Amino acid sequence: MRKHRIHWTGRAERELGRLDVRAQERVRAAVLTLADDPRRPGVKKLAGRHLEHRLRVGDHRVLFEIHDAHVLVLVVAVRKREDAYE
């Protein structure tokens, strides 16, 4: 099985940068696990959204797209749980 490449959008990088250092480390570590298996346990497909999935990391949600044809995980947002789906 091929590893997926991880790519962060500019928006996701900015949102990650707003978190405290410890939360940033936890989110980065969790996202790196998606390279091996982007559909691992704990990942949920978002209803009504074609490619988007979410991963819970403490009080934060990582929203990402899985592009199997390009072997790519595109991280589109990192938000607090209450703001994640706006």
C-alpha atoms as a PDB file:
ATOM      1  CA  MET A   1       0.000   0.000   0.000  1.00  0.00           C
ATOM      2  CA  ARG A   2       1.350   3.409  -0.983  1.00  0.00           C
ATOM      3  CA  LYS A   3       1.659   6.215   1.523  1.00  0.00           C
ATOM      4  CA  HIS A   4      -0.503   9.240   0.854  1.00  0.00           C
ATOM      5  CA  ARG A   5       1.248  12.595   0.611  1.00  0.00           C
ATOM      6  CA  ILE A   6       0.046  15.219   3.070  1.00  0.00           C
ATOM      7  CA  HIS A   7      -0.569  18.725   1.767  1.00  0.00           C
ATOM      8  CA  TRP A   8      -1.837  21.643   3.867  1.00  0.00           C
ATOM      9  CA  THR A   9      -3.804  24.494   2.315  1.00  0.00           C
ATOM     10  CA  GLY A  10      -2.678  28.000   3.264  1.00  0.00           C
ATOM     11  CA  ARG A  11      -5.852  28.428   5.290  1.00  0.00           C
ATOM     12  CA  ALA A  12      -5.235  25.217   7.243  1.00  0.00           C
ATOM     13  CA  GLU A  13      -1.640  26.286   7.980  1.00  0.00           C
ATOM     14  CA  ARG A  14      -2.846  29.663   9.284  1.00  0.00           C
ATOM     15  CA  GLU A  15      -5.484  28.011  11.473  1.00  0.00           C
ATOM     16  CA  LEU A  16      -2.908  25.566  12.824  1.00  0.00           C
ATOM     17  CA  GLY A  17      -0.558  28.473  13.598  1.00  0.00           C
ATOM     18  CA  ARG A  18      -3.209  30.090  15.805  1.00  0.00           C
ATOM     19  CA  LEU A  19      -3.238  27.099  18.174  1.00  0.00           C
ATOM     20  CA  ASP A  20      -0.971  26.819  21.189  1.00  0.00           C
ATOM     21  CA  VAL A  21       2.264  24.871  20.630  1.00  0.00           C
ATOM     22  CA  ARG A  22       1.072  21.704  22.356  1.00  0.00           C
ATOM     23  CA  ALA A  23      -2.141  21.571  20.311  1.00  0.00           C
ATOM     24  CA  GLN A  24      -0.123  22.170  17.125  1.00  0.00           C
ATOM     25  CA  GLU A  25       2.106  19.201  17.929  1.00  0.00           C
ATOM     26  CA  ARG A  26      -0.880  16.938  18.596  1.00  0.00           C
ATOM     27  CA  VAL A  27      -2.609  17.963  15.364  1.00  0.00           C
ATOM     28  CA  ARG A  28       0.561  17.517  13.274  1.00  0.00           C
ATOM     29  CA  ALA A  29       1.172  14.055  14.763  1.00  0.00           C
ATOM     30  CA  ALA A  30      -2.422  12.995  14.095  1.00  0.00           C
ATOM     31  CA  VAL A  31      -2.306  14.266  10.517  1.00  0.00           C
ATOM     32  CA  LEU A  32       0.919  12.354   9.845  1.00  0.00           C
ATOM     33  CA  THR A  33      -0.879   9.098  10.716  1.00  0.00           C
ATOM     34  CA  LEU A  34      -3.225   9.761   7.790  1.00  0.00           C
ATOM     35  CA  ALA A  35      -0.377   9.140   5.331  1.00  0.00           C
ATOM     36  CA  ASP A  36      -0.472   5.416   6.093  1.00  0.00           C
ATOM     37  CA  ASP A  37      -4.246   5.030   6.303  1.00  0.00           C
ATOM     38  CA  PRO A  38      -6.430   8.082   5.630  1.00  0.00           C
ATOM     39  CA  ARG A  39      -9.569   6.075   6.431  1.00  0.00           C
ATOM     40  CA  ARG A  40      -8.302   4.746   9.748  1.00  0.00           C
ATOM     41  CA  PRO A  41     -10.570   4.301  12.764  1.00  0.00           C
ATOM     42  CA  GLY A  42     -11.615   7.672  14.135  1.00  0.00           C
ATOM     43  CA  VAL A  43     -11.950   9.265  10.695  1.00  0.00           C
ATOM     44  CA  LYS A  44     -15.511  10.148   9.718  1.00  0.00           C
ATOM     45  CA  LYS A  45     -16.864  11.015   6.282  1.00  0.00           C
ATOM     46  CA  LEU A  46     -18.827  14.267   6.393  1.00  0.00           C
ATOM     47  CA  ALA A  47     -22.408  13.912   5.178  1.00  0.00           C
ATOM     48  CA  GLY A  48     -23.276  16.004   2.154  1.00  0.00           C
ATOM     49  CA  ARG A  49     -19.656  16.673   1.248  1.00  0.00           C
ATOM     50  CA  HIS A  50     -18.120  14.682  -1.563  1.00  0.00           C
ATOM     51  CA  LEU A  51     -14.493  14.360  -0.480  1.00  0.00           C
ATOM     52  CA  GLU A  52     -14.350  15.808   3.024  1.00  0.00           C
ATOM     53  CA  HIS A  53     -13.577  13.808   6.121  1.00  0.00           C
ATOM     54  CA  ARG A  54     -12.849  14.811   9.681  1.00  0.00           C
ATOM     55  CA  LEU A  55     -10.489  13.680  12.378  1.00  0.00           C
ATOM     56  CA  ARG A  56     -10.961  14.551  16.015  1.00  0.00           C
ATOM     57  CA  VAL A  57      -7.836  15.685  17.850  1.00  0.00           C
ATOM     58  CA  GLY A  58      -8.859  16.659  21.372  1.00  0.00           C
ATOM     59  CA  ASP A  59     -11.037  19.773  21.175  1.00  0.00           C
ATOM     60  CA  HIS A  60     -10.093  20.345  17.540  1.00  0.00           C
ATOM     61  CA  ARG A  61     -11.270  18.960  14.238  1.00  0.00           C
ATOM     62  CA  VAL A  62      -9.064  18.452  11.216  1.00  0.00           C
ATOM     63  CA  LEU A  63     -11.078  18.658   8.004  1.00  0.00           C
ATOM     64  CA  PHE A  64      -9.431  17.027   5.026  1.00  0.00           C
ATOM     65  CA  GLU A  65     -10.028  15.568   1.595  1.00  0.00           C
ATOM     66  CA  ILE A  66      -8.791  12.191   0.380  1.00  0.00           C
ATOM     67  CA  HIS A  67      -7.682  12.105  -3.251  1.00  0.00           C
ATOM     68  CA  ASP A  68      -6.896   8.451  -3.947  1.00  0.00           C
ATOM     69  CA  ALA A  69      -6.127   9.020  -7.630  1.00  0.00           C
ATOM     70  CA  HIS A  70      -3.289  11.364  -6.619  1.00  0.00           C
ATOM     71  CA  VAL A  71      -2.401   9.474  -3.406  1.00  0.00           C
ATOM     72  CA  LEU A  72      -2.964  12.727  -1.521  1.00  0.00           C
ATOM     73  CA  VAL A  73      -4.534  13.897   1.727  1.00  0.00           C
ATOM     74  CA  LEU A  74      -5.387  17.599   1.508  1.00  0.00           C
ATOM     75  CA  VAL A  75      -5.825  19.250   4.915  1.00  0.00           C
ATOM     76  CA  VAL A  76      -8.299  22.094   4.403  1.00  0.00           C
ATOM     77  CA  ALA A  77      -9.062  23.299   7.957  1.00  0.00           C
ATOM     78  CA  VAL A  78      -8.093  22.949  11.617  1.00  0.00           C
ATOM     79  CA  ARG A  79     -10.740  24.316  13.956  1.00  0.00           C
ATOM     80  CA  LYS A  80     -12.225  24.151  17.410  1.00  0.00           C
ATOM     81  CA  ARG A  81     -15.035  21.643  17.565  1.00  0.00           C
ATOM     82  CA  GLU A  82     -17.789  24.243  17.870  1.00  0.00           C
ATOM     83  CA  ASP A  83     -16.559  26.133  14.776  1.00  0.00           C
ATOM     84  CA  ALA A  84     -15.569  23.191  12.589  1.00  0.00           C
ATOM     85  CA  TYR A  85     -18.610  22.827  10.375  1.00  0.00           C
ATOM     86  CA  GLU A  86     -19.452  26.430   9.552  1.00  0.00           C
END
